[in-house]
Amino acid sequence: MACRVAGLAFLNGVTAGWTKADLAAWLAGPYRAVTRPVELVVRHDTPRLATTDVATRASDPSGLARLDEVICEARWRVLAALESAAMSRGRVAFAARARTLGHVRCVVDADGRSTWVALDARGMRLRDRVLALFAVDCLAHPLDYERELIVCHRCERVFFDASARGRGECPAHRPH
């Protein structure tokens, strides 16, 4: 559940308007606490810069505007993946993708039990880091994703709540 908590902290933090310092604190705190550093070179495609990206970089040499875009894009991609999982009743393509890319790994703990861990590899995209957290959680708790996961279309919050999923409504927007 620690991976779920860290993933939800990212999503909720970005919604609240995270800054560069907030992201750094999350990476050094909750994210680092649930990941294992590895010396892997992660291969990923390099997006081409759109004209707006070039203009943004020229007007903001510190890169803060670009960082805001990366954070928002990561949140959007994670929400889309979780929404897809919620709508497909447990078929979680993002977990399979995380396994294929090597962002999560099955390891044996000190008690001899198999467990999943998210890996922290140099070059991973922010969205893949967050999705790896949810992938580990999903692989460890698949029924939660099949029976409890709900993404609200109004507030874009993610909940694990079986009764809300059954009603098809966000707990925050339930009529009283």
N, C-alpha and C. Protein backbone atom coordinates (compact mmCIF):
# COMPACT_ATOMS: atom_id res chain seq x y z
N MET A 1 0.81 -1.21 0.00
CA MET A 1 0.00 0.00 0.00
C MET A 1 0.85 1.27 0.00
N ALA A 2 2.11 1.16 0.39
CA ALA A 2 2.96 2.35 0.43
C ALA A 2 3.16 2.93 -0.97
N CYS A 3 3.22 2.08 -1.99
CA CYS A 3 3.35 2.58 -3.37
C CYS A 3 2.09 3.33 -3.77
N ARG A 4 0.93 2.81 -3.37
CA ARG A 4 -0.33 3.50 -3.67
C ARG A 4 -0.37 4.86 -3.00
N VAL A 5 0.02 4.90 -1.75
CA VAL A 5 0.03 6.17 -1.00
C VAL A 5 0.96 7.18 -1.67
N ALA A 6 2.14 6.73 -2.08
CA ALA A 6 3.09 7.63 -2.74
C ALA A 6 2.55 8.10 -4.09
N GLY A 7 1.93 7.21 -4.85
CA GLY A 7 1.35 7.58 -6.13
C GLY A 7 0.21 8.57 -5.98
N LEU A 8 -0.67 8.32 -5.01
CA LEU A 8 -1.78 9.24 -4.76
C LEU A 8 -1.27 10.59 -4.26
N ALA A 9 -0.20 10.58 -3.48
CA ALA A 9 0.39 11.84 -3.01
C ALA A 9 0.86 12.67 -4.19
N PHE A 10 1.43 12.03 -5.20
CA PHE A 10 1.85 12.76 -6.40
C PHE A 10 0.63 13.36 -7.10
N LEU A 11 -0.37 12.53 -7.37
CA LEU A 11 -1.56 13.01 -8.09
C LEU A 11 -2.25 14.15 -7.35
N ASN A 12 -2.44 13.98 -6.06
CA ASN A 12 -3.11 15.02 -5.27
C ASN A 12 -2.25 16.26 -5.13
N GLY A 13 -0.95 16.08 -5.03
CA GLY A 13 -0.05 17.23 -4.92
C GLY A 13 -0.05 18.08 -6.17
N VAL A 14 0.01 17.43 -7.33
CA VAL A 14 -0.01 18.17 -8.59
C VAL A 14 -1.32 18.92 -8.73
N THR A 15 -2.42 18.30 -8.35
CA THR A 15 -3.72 18.95 -8.40
C THR A 15 -3.74 20.20 -7.52
N ALA A 16 -3.03 20.16 -6.42
CA ALA A 16 -2.98 21.30 -5.49
C ALA A 16 -2.01 22.39 -5.94
N GLY A 17 -1.26 22.14 -7.04
CA GLY A 17 -0.38 23.17 -7.56
C GLY A 17 1.07 23.06 -7.14
N TRP A 18 1.61 21.87 -7.20
CA TRP A 18 2.98 21.65 -6.79
C TRP A 18 3.98 22.56 -7.48
N THR A 19 5.03 22.87 -6.75
CA THR A 19 6.16 23.62 -7.27
C THR A 19 7.34 22.65 -7.47
N LYS A 20 8.43 23.18 -7.98
CA LYS A 20 9.64 22.38 -8.15
C LYS A 20 10.09 21.82 -6.80
N ALA A 21 10.00 22.62 -5.76
CA ALA A 21 10.41 22.17 -4.42
C ALA A 21 9.51 21.04 -3.93
N ASP A 22 8.22 21.11 -4.22
CA ASP A 22 7.29 20.05 -3.80
C ASP A 22 7.63 18.73 -4.49
N LEU A 23 7.92 18.81 -5.80
CA LEU A 23 8.29 17.61 -6.54
C LEU A 23 9.59 17.03 -5.99
N ALA A 24 10.56 17.88 -5.72
CA ALA A 24 11.84 17.41 -5.17
C ALA A 24 11.63 16.72 -3.83
N ALA A 25 10.77 17.30 -2.99
CA ALA A 25 10.49 16.70 -1.68
C ALA A 25 9.80 15.34 -1.84
N TRP A 26 8.90 15.23 -2.80
CA TRP A 26 8.22 13.95 -3.05
C TRP A 26 9.22 12.91 -3.54
N LEU A 27 10.08 13.30 -4.48
CA LEU A 27 11.07 12.37 -5.01
C LEU A 27 12.05 11.89 -3.92
N ALA A 28 12.44 12.79 -3.04
CA ALA A 28 13.39 12.45 -1.98
C ALA A 28 12.72 11.75 -0.81
N GLY A 29 11.42 11.92 -0.67
CA GLY A 29 10.69 11.35 0.47
C GLY A 29 9.89 10.12 0.10
N PRO A 30 8.57 10.28 -0.14
CA PRO A 30 7.71 9.12 -0.39
C PRO A 30 8.16 8.25 -1.57
N TYR A 31 8.61 8.88 -2.65
CA TYR A 31 9.04 8.09 -3.81
C TYR A 31 10.28 7.26 -3.48
N ARG A 32 11.28 7.89 -2.92
CA ARG A 32 12.52 7.19 -2.58
C ARG A 32 12.27 6.07 -1.57
N ALA A 33 11.33 6.28 -0.65
CA ALA A 33 11.05 5.28 0.38
C ALA A 33 10.50 3.98 -0.18
N VAL A 34 9.87 4.02 -1.36
CA VAL A 34 9.24 2.81 -1.89
C VAL A 34 9.89 2.29 -3.17
N THR A 35 10.99 2.89 -3.58
CA THR A 35 11.67 2.42 -4.79
C THR A 35 13.05 1.90 -4.46
N ARG A 36 13.56 1.15 -5.39
CA ARG A 36 14.93 0.64 -5.26
C ARG A 36 15.76 1.21 -6.39
N PRO A 37 16.85 1.87 -6.05
CA PRO A 37 17.70 2.40 -7.12
C PRO A 37 18.38 1.27 -7.88
N VAL A 38 18.46 1.43 -9.18
CA VAL A 38 19.15 0.45 -10.02
C VAL A 38 20.01 1.18 -11.04
N GLU A 39 21.02 0.51 -11.49
CA GLU A 39 21.88 1.08 -12.52
C GLU A 39 21.48 0.52 -13.87
N LEU A 40 20.31 0.89 -14.32
CA LEU A 40 19.83 0.48 -15.63
C LEU A 40 19.79 1.70 -16.52
N VAL A 41 20.05 1.50 -17.76
CA VAL A 41 19.83 2.58 -18.71
C VAL A 41 18.46 2.32 -19.31
N VAL A 42 17.53 3.16 -18.98
CA VAL A 42 16.16 2.99 -19.44
C VAL A 42 16.04 3.62 -20.82
N ARG A 43 15.58 2.84 -21.78
CA ARG A 43 15.40 3.35 -23.13
C ARG A 43 13.99 3.90 -23.26
N HIS A 44 13.89 5.08 -23.80
CA HIS A 44 12.59 5.66 -24.09
C HIS A 44 12.73 6.61 -25.25
N ASP A 45 11.62 6.86 -25.89
CA ASP A 45 11.67 7.77 -27.02
C ASP A 45 11.87 9.19 -26.53
N THR A 46 12.51 9.99 -27.31
CA THR A 46 12.75 11.39 -26.96
C THR A 46 11.76 12.24 -27.74
N PRO A 47 10.85 12.92 -27.05
CA PRO A 47 9.87 13.71 -27.78
C PRO A 47 10.52 14.90 -28.48
N ARG A 48 9.99 15.22 -29.62
CA ARG A 48 10.46 16.41 -30.33
C ARG A 48 9.90 17.63 -29.65
N LEU A 49 10.66 18.69 -29.67
CA LEU A 49 10.19 19.93 -29.08
C LEU A 49 9.22 20.61 -30.02
N ALA A 50 8.05 20.94 -29.51
CA ALA A 50 7.10 21.70 -30.30
C ALA A 50 7.53 23.16 -30.27
N THR A 51 6.98 23.95 -31.16
CA THR A 51 7.33 25.37 -31.22
C THR A 51 7.09 26.04 -29.89
N THR A 52 6.00 25.68 -29.22
CA THR A 52 5.70 26.31 -27.93
C THR A 52 6.76 25.94 -26.90
N ASP A 53 7.29 24.71 -26.97
CA ASP A 53 8.34 24.31 -26.04
C ASP A 53 9.59 25.16 -26.24
N VAL A 54 9.95 25.39 -27.49
CA VAL A 54 11.12 26.20 -27.79
C VAL A 54 10.90 27.63 -27.30
N ALA A 55 9.70 28.16 -27.54
CA ALA A 55 9.39 29.52 -27.09
C ALA A 55 9.40 29.60 -25.57
N THR A 56 8.87 28.59 -24.93
CA THR A 56 8.84 28.57 -23.47
C THR A 56 10.26 28.54 -22.92
N ARG A 57 11.11 27.70 -23.49
CA ARG A 57 12.49 27.62 -23.02
C ARG A 57 13.23 28.93 -23.24
N ALA A 58 12.94 29.59 -24.35
CA ALA A 58 13.62 30.85 -24.64
C ALA A 58 13.20 31.93 -23.66
N SER A 59 11.92 31.93 -23.28
CA SER A 59 11.43 32.97 -22.37
C SER A 59 11.64 32.59 -20.91
N ASP A 60 11.93 31.34 -20.64
CA ASP A 60 12.12 30.88 -19.26
C ASP A 60 13.38 30.02 -19.20
N PRO A 61 14.54 30.66 -19.18
CA PRO A 61 15.78 29.89 -19.21
C PRO A 61 15.97 28.97 -18.01
N SER A 62 15.28 29.24 -16.92
CA SER A 62 15.44 28.40 -15.73
C SER A 62 14.80 27.03 -15.93
N GLY A 63 13.91 26.90 -16.91
CA GLY A 63 13.27 25.61 -17.17
C GLY A 63 12.07 25.34 -16.30
N LEU A 64 11.64 26.29 -15.46
CA LEU A 64 10.52 26.04 -14.57
C LEU A 64 9.21 25.83 -15.32
N ALA A 65 8.98 26.57 -16.40
CA ALA A 65 7.76 26.36 -17.16
C ALA A 65 7.76 24.97 -17.76
N ARG A 66 8.89 24.51 -18.25
CA ARG A 66 9.00 23.16 -18.81
C ARG A 66 8.75 22.11 -17.73
N LEU A 67 9.25 22.33 -16.53
CA LEU A 67 9.03 21.40 -15.44
C LEU A 67 7.54 21.32 -15.12
N ASP A 68 6.87 22.45 -15.10
CA ASP A 68 5.42 22.45 -14.87
C ASP A 68 4.71 21.60 -15.91
N GLU A 69 5.13 21.71 -17.16
CA GLU A 69 4.54 20.92 -18.24
C GLU A 69 4.79 19.43 -18.01
N VAL A 70 5.99 19.08 -17.61
CA VAL A 70 6.33 17.68 -17.37
C VAL A 70 5.49 17.12 -16.22
N ILE A 71 5.35 17.88 -15.15
CA ILE A 71 4.55 17.44 -14.00
C ILE A 71 3.10 17.25 -14.40
N CYS A 72 2.54 18.21 -15.11
CA CYS A 72 1.13 18.13 -15.53
C CYS A 72 0.91 16.99 -16.53
N GLU A 73 1.86 16.81 -17.44
CA GLU A 73 1.75 15.74 -18.42
C GLU A 73 1.82 14.38 -17.72
N ALA A 74 2.70 14.25 -16.74
CA ALA A 74 2.81 13.00 -15.99
C ALA A 74 1.50 12.70 -15.27
N ARG A 75 0.93 13.70 -14.62
CA ARG A 75 -0.34 13.52 -13.92
C ARG A 75 -1.43 13.08 -14.89
N TRP A 76 -1.49 13.74 -16.05
CA TRP A 76 -2.51 13.41 -17.03
C TRP A 76 -2.36 11.98 -17.52
N ARG A 77 -1.13 11.56 -17.83
CA ARG A 77 -0.89 10.19 -18.31
C ARG A 77 -1.25 9.15 -17.26
N VAL A 78 -0.91 9.43 -16.01
CA VAL A 78 -1.23 8.49 -14.93
C VAL A 78 -2.74 8.41 -14.74
N LEU A 79 -3.42 9.55 -14.73
CA LEU A 79 -4.89 9.54 -14.62
C LEU A 79 -5.52 8.75 -15.75
N ALA A 80 -5.04 8.95 -16.97
CA ALA A 80 -5.59 8.23 -18.12
C ALA A 80 -5.40 6.72 -17.96
N ALA A 81 -4.23 6.31 -17.50
CA ALA A 81 -3.96 4.88 -17.31
C ALA A 81 -4.85 4.30 -16.22
N LEU A 82 -5.03 5.03 -15.13
CA LEU A 82 -5.88 4.55 -14.05
C LEU A 82 -7.35 4.53 -14.47
N GLU A 83 -7.77 5.53 -15.21
CA GLU A 83 -9.15 5.55 -15.69
C GLU A 83 -9.41 4.37 -16.63
N SER A 84 -8.46 4.07 -17.49
CA SER A 84 -8.57 2.92 -18.38
C SER A 84 -8.69 1.62 -17.57
N ALA A 85 -7.89 1.51 -16.53
CA ALA A 85 -7.94 0.32 -15.67
C ALA A 85 -9.30 0.23 -14.97
N ALA A 86 -9.82 1.37 -14.50
CA ALA A 86 -11.12 1.36 -13.81
C ALA A 86 -12.23 0.96 -14.77
N MET A 87 -12.17 1.43 -16.00
CA MET A 87 -13.22 1.14 -16.96
C MET A 87 -13.13 -0.29 -17.50
N SER A 88 -11.95 -0.88 -17.45
CA SER A 88 -11.77 -2.22 -18.01
C SER A 88 -11.89 -3.32 -16.96
N ARG A 89 -12.31 -2.95 -15.78
CA ARG A 89 -12.52 -3.91 -14.69
C ARG A 89 -11.30 -4.77 -14.40
N GLY A 90 -10.17 -4.11 -14.21
CA GLY A 90 -8.99 -4.82 -13.76
C GLY A 90 -7.96 -5.14 -14.82
N ARG A 91 -8.26 -4.92 -16.10
CA ARG A 91 -7.22 -5.13 -17.12
C ARG A 91 -6.33 -3.90 -17.09
N VAL A 92 -5.14 -4.08 -16.62
CA VAL A 92 -4.26 -2.94 -16.37
C VAL A 92 -3.06 -2.97 -17.31
N ALA A 93 -3.21 -2.30 -18.42
CA ALA A 93 -2.14 -2.26 -19.41
C ALA A 93 -0.90 -1.59 -18.85
N PHE A 94 -1.07 -0.59 -17.97
CA PHE A 94 0.10 0.12 -17.45
C PHE A 94 0.98 -0.79 -16.61
N ALA A 95 0.40 -1.76 -15.92
CA ALA A 95 1.20 -2.69 -15.11
C ALA A 95 2.01 -3.62 -16.01
N ALA A 96 1.38 -4.09 -17.08
CA ALA A 96 2.10 -4.95 -18.02
C ALA A 96 3.22 -4.16 -18.70
N ARG A 97 2.95 -2.90 -19.05
CA ARG A 97 3.96 -2.06 -19.68
C ARG A 97 5.14 -1.82 -18.73
N ALA A 98 4.84 -1.58 -17.46
CA ALA A 98 5.90 -1.35 -16.46
C ALA A 98 6.78 -2.59 -16.32
N ARG A 99 6.17 -3.75 -16.37
CA ARG A 99 6.95 -5.00 -16.31
C ARG A 99 7.82 -5.14 -17.55
N THR A 100 7.24 -4.89 -18.72
CA THR A 100 7.97 -5.02 -19.97
C THR A 100 9.16 -4.06 -20.03
N LEU A 101 8.95 -2.84 -19.58
CA LEU A 101 10.02 -1.83 -19.61
C LEU A 101 11.05 -2.03 -18.50
N GLY A 102 10.76 -2.92 -17.55
CA GLY A 102 11.69 -3.16 -16.45
C GLY A 102 11.61 -2.12 -15.35
N HIS A 103 10.49 -1.42 -15.26
CA HIS A 103 10.32 -0.41 -14.21
C HIS A 103 9.87 -1.03 -12.89
N VAL A 104 9.40 -2.26 -12.94
CA VAL A 104 9.05 -3.01 -11.73
C VAL A 104 9.70 -4.38 -11.85
N ARG A 105 9.96 -4.96 -10.70
CA ARG A 105 10.61 -6.27 -10.69
C ARG A 105 10.08 -7.09 -9.52
N CYS A 106 9.94 -8.38 -9.76
CA CYS A 106 9.56 -9.30 -8.70
C CYS A 106 10.83 -9.75 -7.99
N VAL A 107 10.85 -9.60 -6.67
CA VAL A 107 12.00 -10.00 -5.87
C VAL A 107 11.52 -10.87 -4.71
N VAL A 108 12.45 -11.54 -4.08
CA VAL A 108 12.14 -12.36 -2.91
C VAL A 108 12.59 -11.59 -1.69
N ASP A 109 11.67 -11.42 -0.73
CA ASP A 109 12.01 -10.65 0.48
C ASP A 109 12.77 -11.53 1.47
N ALA A 110 13.11 -10.97 2.62
CA ALA A 110 13.91 -11.67 3.63
C ALA A 110 13.22 -12.91 4.17
N ASP A 111 11.88 -12.93 4.10
CA ASP A 111 11.11 -14.09 4.59
C ASP A 111 10.86 -15.13 3.50
N GLY A 112 11.44 -14.92 2.32
CA GLY A 112 11.28 -15.88 1.23
C GLY A 112 10.01 -15.69 0.41
N ARG A 113 9.30 -14.60 0.63
CA ARG A 113 8.07 -14.33 -0.12
C ARG A 113 8.39 -13.47 -1.35
N SER A 114 7.69 -13.73 -2.43
CA SER A 114 7.82 -12.90 -3.62
C SER A 114 7.05 -11.60 -3.43
N THR A 115 7.66 -10.54 -3.87
CA THR A 115 7.01 -9.23 -3.78
C THR A 115 7.46 -8.39 -4.97
N TRP A 116 6.69 -7.40 -5.30
CA TRP A 116 7.01 -6.50 -6.41
C TRP A 116 7.61 -5.22 -5.88
N VAL A 117 8.58 -4.70 -6.60
CA VAL A 117 9.20 -3.43 -6.23
C VAL A 117 9.26 -2.53 -7.46
N ALA A 118 9.12 -1.24 -7.22
CA ALA A 118 9.31 -0.24 -8.27
C ALA A 118 10.79 0.12 -8.29
N LEU A 119 11.32 0.26 -9.48
CA LEU A 119 12.74 0.57 -9.62
C LEU A 119 12.92 2.04 -9.96
N ASP A 120 13.97 2.61 -9.44
CA ASP A 120 14.32 4.00 -9.68
C ASP A 120 15.56 4.01 -10.56
N ALA A 121 15.34 4.12 -11.87
CA ALA A 121 16.46 4.06 -12.82
C ALA A 121 16.70 5.42 -13.45
N ARG A 122 17.95 5.73 -13.64
CA ARG A 122 18.31 6.98 -14.29
C ARG A 122 17.68 7.03 -15.69
N GLY A 123 17.12 8.17 -16.03
CA GLY A 123 16.53 8.34 -17.35
C GLY A 123 15.06 8.02 -17.43
N MET A 124 14.46 7.50 -16.35
CA MET A 124 13.02 7.22 -16.38
C MET A 124 12.25 8.53 -16.43
N ARG A 125 11.20 8.54 -17.20
CA ARG A 125 10.31 9.69 -17.23
C ARG A 125 9.52 9.75 -15.93
N LEU A 126 9.09 10.94 -15.58
CA LEU A 126 8.31 11.11 -14.35
C LEU A 126 7.04 10.28 -14.41
N ARG A 127 6.35 10.29 -15.53
CA ARG A 127 5.11 9.51 -15.64
C ARG A 127 5.37 8.03 -15.43
N ASP A 128 6.51 7.51 -15.92
CA ASP A 128 6.82 6.10 -15.74
C ASP A 128 7.17 5.79 -14.29
N ARG A 129 7.76 6.74 -13.60
CA ARG A 129 8.05 6.55 -12.18
C ARG A 129 6.75 6.40 -11.38
N VAL A 130 5.80 7.29 -11.67
CA VAL A 130 4.53 7.25 -10.93
C VAL A 130 3.73 6.01 -11.33
N LEU A 131 3.69 5.70 -12.62
CA LEU A 131 2.98 4.50 -13.06
C LEU A 131 3.59 3.23 -12.48
N ALA A 132 4.90 3.21 -12.28
CA ALA A 132 5.54 2.04 -11.67
C ALA A 132 5.04 1.83 -10.24
N LEU A 133 4.79 2.93 -9.53
CA LEU A 133 4.25 2.80 -8.17
C LEU A 133 2.88 2.14 -8.19
N PHE A 134 2.02 2.62 -9.10
CA PHE A 134 0.68 2.03 -9.20
C PHE A 134 0.76 0.61 -9.76
N ALA A 135 1.73 0.32 -10.63
CA ALA A 135 1.89 -1.04 -11.14
C ALA A 135 2.23 -2.01 -10.01
N VAL A 136 3.15 -1.62 -9.15
CA VAL A 136 3.50 -2.47 -8.00
C VAL A 136 2.27 -2.70 -7.13
N ASP A 137 1.53 -1.63 -6.86
CA ASP A 137 0.33 -1.76 -6.04
C ASP A 137 -0.70 -2.67 -6.71
N CYS A 138 -0.87 -2.51 -8.01
CA CYS A 138 -1.82 -3.33 -8.75
C CYS A 138 -1.41 -4.79 -8.77
N LEU A 139 -0.13 -5.06 -8.97
CA LEU A 139 0.35 -6.44 -8.98
C LEU A 139 0.20 -7.10 -7.61
N ALA A 140 0.32 -6.30 -6.55
CA ALA A 140 0.18 -6.83 -5.19
C ALA A 140 -1.28 -6.91 -4.75
N HIS A 141 -2.13 -6.04 -5.29
CA HIS A 141 -3.54 -5.96 -4.88
C HIS A 141 -4.46 -5.87 -6.10
N PRO A 142 -4.45 -6.89 -6.96
CA PRO A 142 -5.22 -6.79 -8.21
C PRO A 142 -6.72 -6.62 -8.01
N LEU A 143 -7.28 -7.20 -6.98
CA LEU A 143 -8.72 -7.07 -6.76
C LEU A 143 -9.13 -5.64 -6.43
N ASP A 144 -8.24 -4.88 -5.80
CA ASP A 144 -8.55 -3.48 -5.52
C ASP A 144 -8.77 -2.70 -6.82
N TYR A 145 -7.99 -3.03 -7.84
CA TYR A 145 -8.11 -2.34 -9.12
C TYR A 145 -9.33 -2.82 -9.89
N GLU A 146 -9.72 -4.06 -9.66
CA GLU A 146 -10.89 -4.61 -10.33
C GLU A 146 -12.19 -4.17 -9.66
N ARG A 147 -12.18 -4.04 -8.34
CA ARG A 147 -13.44 -3.81 -7.60
C ARG A 147 -13.57 -2.44 -6.95
N GLU A 148 -12.46 -1.73 -6.74
CA GLU A 148 -12.53 -0.51 -5.94
C GLU A 148 -12.09 0.77 -6.65
N LEU A 149 -11.26 0.67 -7.67
CA LEU A 149 -10.69 1.85 -8.32
C LEU A 149 -11.76 2.68 -9.02
N ILE A 150 -11.74 3.97 -8.74
CA ILE A 150 -12.63 4.91 -9.41
C ILE A 150 -11.88 6.22 -9.64
N VAL A 151 -12.04 6.78 -10.83
CA VAL A 151 -11.46 8.08 -11.16
C VAL A 151 -12.63 9.02 -11.43
N CYS A 152 -12.72 10.07 -10.66
CA CYS A 152 -13.83 11.01 -10.79
C CYS A 152 -13.64 11.89 -12.03
N HIS A 153 -14.68 11.98 -12.83
CA HIS A 153 -14.62 12.81 -14.03
C HIS A 153 -14.78 14.29 -13.72
N ARG A 154 -15.33 14.59 -12.54
CA ARG A 154 -15.54 16.00 -12.18
C ARG A 154 -14.30 16.61 -11.53
N CYS A 155 -13.72 15.93 -10.55
CA CYS A 155 -12.59 16.51 -9.82
C CYS A 155 -11.26 15.84 -10.17
N GLU A 156 -11.31 14.79 -10.98
CA GLU A 156 -10.13 14.05 -11.41
C GLU A 156 -9.32 13.47 -10.25
N ARG A 157 -10.00 13.13 -9.18
CA ARG A 157 -9.32 12.46 -8.07
C ARG A 157 -9.47 10.96 -8.23
N VAL A 158 -8.52 10.24 -7.67
CA VAL A 158 -8.50 8.78 -7.72
C VAL A 158 -8.86 8.26 -6.35
N PHE A 159 -9.78 7.30 -6.31
CA PHE A 159 -10.22 6.70 -5.06
C PHE A 159 -10.20 5.19 -5.19
N PHE A 160 -10.03 4.53 -4.07
CA PHE A 160 -10.22 3.10 -3.98
C PHE A 160 -11.36 2.91 -2.99
N ASP A 161 -12.56 2.75 -3.51
CA ASP A 161 -13.77 2.72 -2.70
C ASP A 161 -14.80 1.86 -3.42
N ALA A 162 -15.03 0.65 -2.91
CA ALA A 162 -15.94 -0.30 -3.56
C ALA A 162 -17.36 0.23 -3.65
N SER A 163 -17.84 0.88 -2.60
CA SER A 163 -19.23 1.37 -2.64
C SER A 163 -19.37 2.51 -3.64
N ALA A 164 -18.39 3.40 -3.72
CA ALA A 164 -18.44 4.49 -4.70
C ALA A 164 -18.37 3.92 -6.11
N ARG A 165 -17.54 2.92 -6.30
CA ARG A 165 -17.45 2.31 -7.64
C ARG A 165 -18.77 1.66 -8.01
N GLY A 166 -19.40 1.01 -7.04
CA GLY A 166 -20.69 0.38 -7.29
C GLY A 166 -21.76 1.39 -7.67
N ARG A 167 -21.70 2.56 -7.05
CA ARG A 167 -22.67 3.63 -7.36
C ARG A 167 -22.26 4.39 -8.62
N GLY A 168 -20.98 4.28 -8.99
CA GLY A 168 -20.48 5.00 -10.14
C GLY A 168 -20.31 6.47 -9.90
N GLU A 169 -20.03 6.82 -8.65
CA GLU A 169 -19.85 8.24 -8.33
C GLU A 169 -18.73 8.45 -7.33
N CYS A 170 -18.13 9.60 -7.42
CA CYS A 170 -17.05 9.99 -6.54
C CYS A 170 -17.59 10.19 -5.12
N PRO A 171 -16.87 9.73 -4.11
CA PRO A 171 -17.33 9.95 -2.73
C PRO A 171 -17.47 11.44 -2.38
N ALA A 172 -16.66 12.29 -3.01
CA ALA A 172 -16.73 13.72 -2.73
C ALA A 172 -17.95 14.40 -3.36
N HIS A 173 -18.55 13.76 -4.36
CA HIS A 173 -19.67 14.39 -5.06
C HIS A 173 -20.99 13.66 -4.83
N ARG A 174 -21.01 12.76 -3.88
CA ARG A 174 -22.22 12.02 -3.58
C ARG A 174 -23.27 12.95 -3.00
N PRO A 175 -24.46 12.93 -3.54
CA PRO A 175 -25.52 13.77 -2.97
C PRO A 175 -25.86 13.34 -1.54
N HIS A 176 -26.10 14.32 -0.73
CA HIS A 176 -26.39 13.99 0.69
C HIS A 176 -27.85 13.89 0.94
